[in-house]
Protein backbone atom coordinates (compact mmCIF):
# COMPACT_ATOMS: atom_id res chain seq x y z
CA UNK A 1 142.81 138.62 53.95
CA UNK A 2 141.28 135.13 53.47
CA UNK A 3 139.46 134.91 50.21
CA UNK A 4 135.91 134.50 50.94
CA UNK A 5 135.42 133.04 47.53
CA UNK A 6 138.66 130.94 46.68
CA UNK A 7 136.97 128.65 43.58
CA UNK A 8 135.92 132.10 41.95
CA UNK A 9 132.18 131.09 42.12
CA UNK A 10 130.17 134.38 42.75
CA UNK A 11 126.17 135.07 42.51
CA UNK A 12 126.39 136.15 39.34
CA UNK A 13 128.76 132.93 37.82
CA UNK A 14 126.13 130.54 40.02
CA UNK A 15 122.87 131.94 38.60
CA UNK A 16 124.90 131.47 35.18
CA UNK A 17 126.02 128.00 35.75
CA UNK A 18 122.15 127.05 37.00
CA UNK A 19 120.87 128.57 34.14
CA UNK A 20 123.26 126.54 31.99
CA UNK A 21 122.49 123.30 33.61
CA UNK A 22 118.50 123.66 32.80
CA UNK A 23 120.02 123.57 29.11
CA UNK A 24 118.05 126.50 28.14
CA UNK A 25 114.91 124.02 27.83
CA UNK A 26 112.12 125.79 26.24
CA UNK A 27 109.98 122.78 25.40
CA UNK A 28 110.91 119.07 27.44
CA UNK A 29 110.48 116.45 25.49
CA UNK A 30 107.64 113.75 26.79
CA UNK A 31 109.31 110.62 28.35
CA UNK A 32 107.83 107.67 29.66
CA UNK A 33 108.66 106.12 32.90
CA UNK A 34 111.47 103.46 31.51
CA UNK A 35 113.22 106.38 29.84
CA UNK A 36 112.87 108.73 33.04
CA UNK A 37 114.26 105.69 35.23
CA UNK A 38 117.11 104.65 33.12
CA UNK A 39 118.16 108.07 32.25
CA UNK A 40 118.12 109.24 35.88
CA UNK A 41 119.99 106.01 37.12
CA UNK A 42 122.36 106.44 34.50
CA UNK A 43 123.09 110.33 35.17
CA UNK A 44 123.10 109.58 39.29
CA UNK A 45 125.81 106.94 38.58
CA UNK A 46 127.84 109.60 36.61
CA UNK A 47 127.33 112.27 38.93
CA UNK A 48 128.49 109.85 42.02
CA UNK A 49 131.57 110.10 40.53
CA UNK A 50 133.93 112.77 41.10
CA UNK A 51 134.83 115.71 39.14
CA UNK A 52 135.72 119.52 39.33
CA UNK A 53 135.20 120.86 35.84
CA UNK A 54 132.32 122.13 34.15
CA UNK A 55 130.94 119.36 31.88
CA UNK A 56 129.89 120.60 28.40
CA UNK A 57 127.31 119.10 26.02
CA UNK A 58 128.19 116.78 23.60
CA UNK A 59 131.62 116.48 24.83
CA UNK A 60 133.11 113.04 25.52
CA UNK A 61 134.57 112.15 29.18
CA UNK A 62 136.11 109.04 30.33
CA UNK A 63 134.81 107.15 33.79
CA UNK A 64 137.14 105.31 35.82
CA UNK A 65 137.39 103.47 38.88
CA UNK A 66 140.47 103.31 41.56
CA UNK A 67 139.64 101.21 44.70
CA UNK A 68 138.29 103.77 46.48
CA UNK A 69 136.14 106.01 44.02
CA UNK A 70 134.78 106.35 40.79
CA UNK A 71 136.11 109.67 38.64
CA UNK A 72 135.28 111.37 35.60
CA UNK A 73 138.12 112.58 33.60
CA UNK A 74 139.08 114.67 30.51
CA UNK A 75 141.87 112.32 29.35
CA UNK A 76 141.22 108.75 27.38
CA UNK A 77 142.38 105.80 28.80
CA UNK A 78 145.27 105.28 26.17
CA UNK A 79 146.73 108.53 27.53
CA UNK A 80 146.81 107.53 31.07
CA UNK A 81 146.99 103.97 31.71
CA UNK A 82 145.27 101.73 34.64
CA UNK A 83 148.03 102.44 37.02
CA UNK A 84 147.39 106.23 37.03
CA UNK A 85 143.87 106.72 36.34
CA UNK A 86 142.30 103.18 37.87
CA UNK A 87 140.17 100.66 35.70
CA UNK A 88 138.06 102.40 32.69
CA UNK A 89 134.65 101.61 32.93
CA UNK A 90 133.26 103.75 29.87
CA UNK A 91 132.72 106.87 27.65
CA UNK A 92 130.20 109.57 29.44
CA UNK A 93 128.32 112.53 27.28
CA UNK A 94 126.25 114.77 28.60
CA UNK A 95 123.31 115.28 26.51
CA UNK A 96 121.45 118.44 25.36
CA UNK A 97 118.59 117.89 27.98
CA UNK A 98 121.23 117.46 30.89
CA UNK A 99 120.96 113.89 31.19
CA UNK A 100 124.24 111.85 31.12
CA UNK A 101 124.90 108.57 28.92
CA UNK A 102 127.07 106.01 29.60
CA UNK A 103 128.69 103.58 27.18
CA UNK A 104 130.40 100.81 29.17
CA UNK A 105 134.05 99.45 27.98
CA UNK A 106 133.98 96.24 26.34
CA UNK A 107 135.98 94.43 29.08
CA UNK A 108 133.76 96.11 31.51
CA UNK A 109 130.93 94.92 30.09
CA UNK A 110 132.17 91.46 29.68
CA UNK A 111 132.90 91.56 33.63
CA UNK A 112 130.10 89.59 34.94
CA UNK A 113 131.18 90.62 38.58
CA UNK A 114 130.97 94.22 37.65
CA UNK A 115 128.00 93.60 35.88
CA UNK A 116 126.15 91.84 38.60
CA UNK A 117 127.17 94.90 40.95
CA UNK A 118 125.69 97.59 38.54
CA UNK A 119 122.59 95.36 38.31
CA UNK A 120 122.34 95.32 42.22
CA UNK A 121 122.59 98.84 42.25
CA UNK A 122 120.20 99.08 39.67
CA UNK A 123 117.49 96.86 41.77
CA UNK A 124 118.29 99.23 44.98
CA UNK A 125 117.53 102.12 42.75
CA UNK A 126 114.34 100.49 41.53
CA UNK A 127 113.28 99.49 45.45
CA UNK A 128 113.93 103.22 46.20
CA UNK A 129 111.74 104.50 43.33
CA UNK A 130 108.79 101.87 44.65
CA UNK A 131 109.30 103.08 48.18
CA UNK A 132 108.86 106.88 47.16
CA UNK A 133 105.43 108.37 47.11
CA UNK A 134 106.13 109.94 43.81
CA UNK A 135 108.58 109.50 41.30
CA UNK A 136 109.32 113.33 41.53
CA UNK A 137 110.48 112.49 44.94
CA UNK A 138 113.84 110.77 44.10
CA UNK A 139 114.76 113.39 41.46
CA UNK A 140 118.40 115.03 42.74
CA UNK A 141 117.01 118.58 43.48
CA UNK A 142 119.62 119.57 45.88
CA UNK A 143 122.76 117.31 46.90
CA UNK A 144 124.72 119.05 49.50
CA UNK A 145 127.84 116.50 49.32
CA UNK A 146 128.18 116.79 45.87
CA UNK A 147 130.77 119.75 44.54
CA UNK A 148 129.70 122.37 42.82
CA UNK A 149 129.66 121.54 39.35
CA UNK A 150 128.33 117.90 39.88
CA UNK A 151 125.29 119.75 41.82
CA UNK A 152 124.70 122.10 39.25
CA UNK A 153 124.67 119.05 36.50
CA UNK A 154 122.47 117.33 39.31
CA UNK A 155 120.21 120.33 39.16
CA UNK A 156 119.98 120.11 35.31
CA UNK A 157 119.16 116.70 35.29
CA UNK A 158 116.10 117.10 38.03
CA UNK A 159 114.83 119.99 35.85
CA UNK A 160 114.89 118.07 32.68
CA UNK A 161 113.67 115.29 33.53
CA UNK A 162 110.85 116.69 35.84
CA UNK A 163 109.62 119.03 32.73
CA UNK A 164 109.86 115.91 30.48
CA UNK A 165 107.48 113.98 33.11
CA UNK A 166 104.92 117.07 33.08
CA UNK A 167 104.85 116.69 29.45
CA UNK A 168 103.90 113.10 29.63
CA UNK A 169 101.61 113.57 32.20
CA UNK A 170 103.32 111.29 35.08
CA UNK A 171 104.75 113.84 37.06
CA UNK A 172 102.93 113.46 40.50
CA UNK A 173 102.57 110.04 39.94
CA UNK A 174 104.12 106.89 42.24
CA UNK A 175 106.50 104.68 39.79
CA UNK A 176 103.59 102.03 40.07
CA UNK A 177 101.09 104.56 38.77
CA UNK A 178 103.39 105.56 36.15
CA UNK A 179 104.54 102.05 34.83
CA UNK A 180 100.72 101.01 34.95
CA UNK A 181 99.96 104.38 32.20
CA UNK A 182 102.59 101.95 30.02
CA UNK A 183 100.61 98.79 30.49
CA UNK A 184 97.16 100.67 29.44
CA UNK A 185 99.05 102.18 26.42
CA UNK A 186 100.52 98.77 25.36
CA UNK A 187 96.87 97.18 25.73
CA UNK A 188 95.22 100.12 23.76
CA UNK A 189 97.98 99.24 20.87
CA UNK A 190 97.00 95.46 20.97
CA UNK A 191 93.52 96.44 20.69
């Protein structure tokens, strides 16, 4: 008989994972649009990388690039080597609010070609934000192409940033409207 659930992810496990992905947030910190977009871009970049493990808040993971893919691993580069892992890109950490941070490796940060590629990726992301009716539409609510834990992490990012945007009063606004609030706040501060 075939196992209908080979990954062992039953309904209760799925619900528990999604609850954890929400980070148990009772109160979301308000975040302005620049912080939201930076955290969203970084989180989406990490979540585009392949991984099949349940990430733990506060643990350091290692991002690598092989010619055909990025992947997130548990093992540091000094234990794997480039021939096995690919190029070491940087350290990633899942934050308590379920967003990801990425600290680029020095060699990668000094690589003009990689940084130009990353800047072009960010510019495409900014265009997507500008084209969206509202920033909320860009949040990764359900990404069927992602593996289970990547999908659960994307859900956590969307939930967290959505609550932070609501707390800041920018939920439901377009990217330009949300950025306009920053301009208005800066002008009031200058007065």
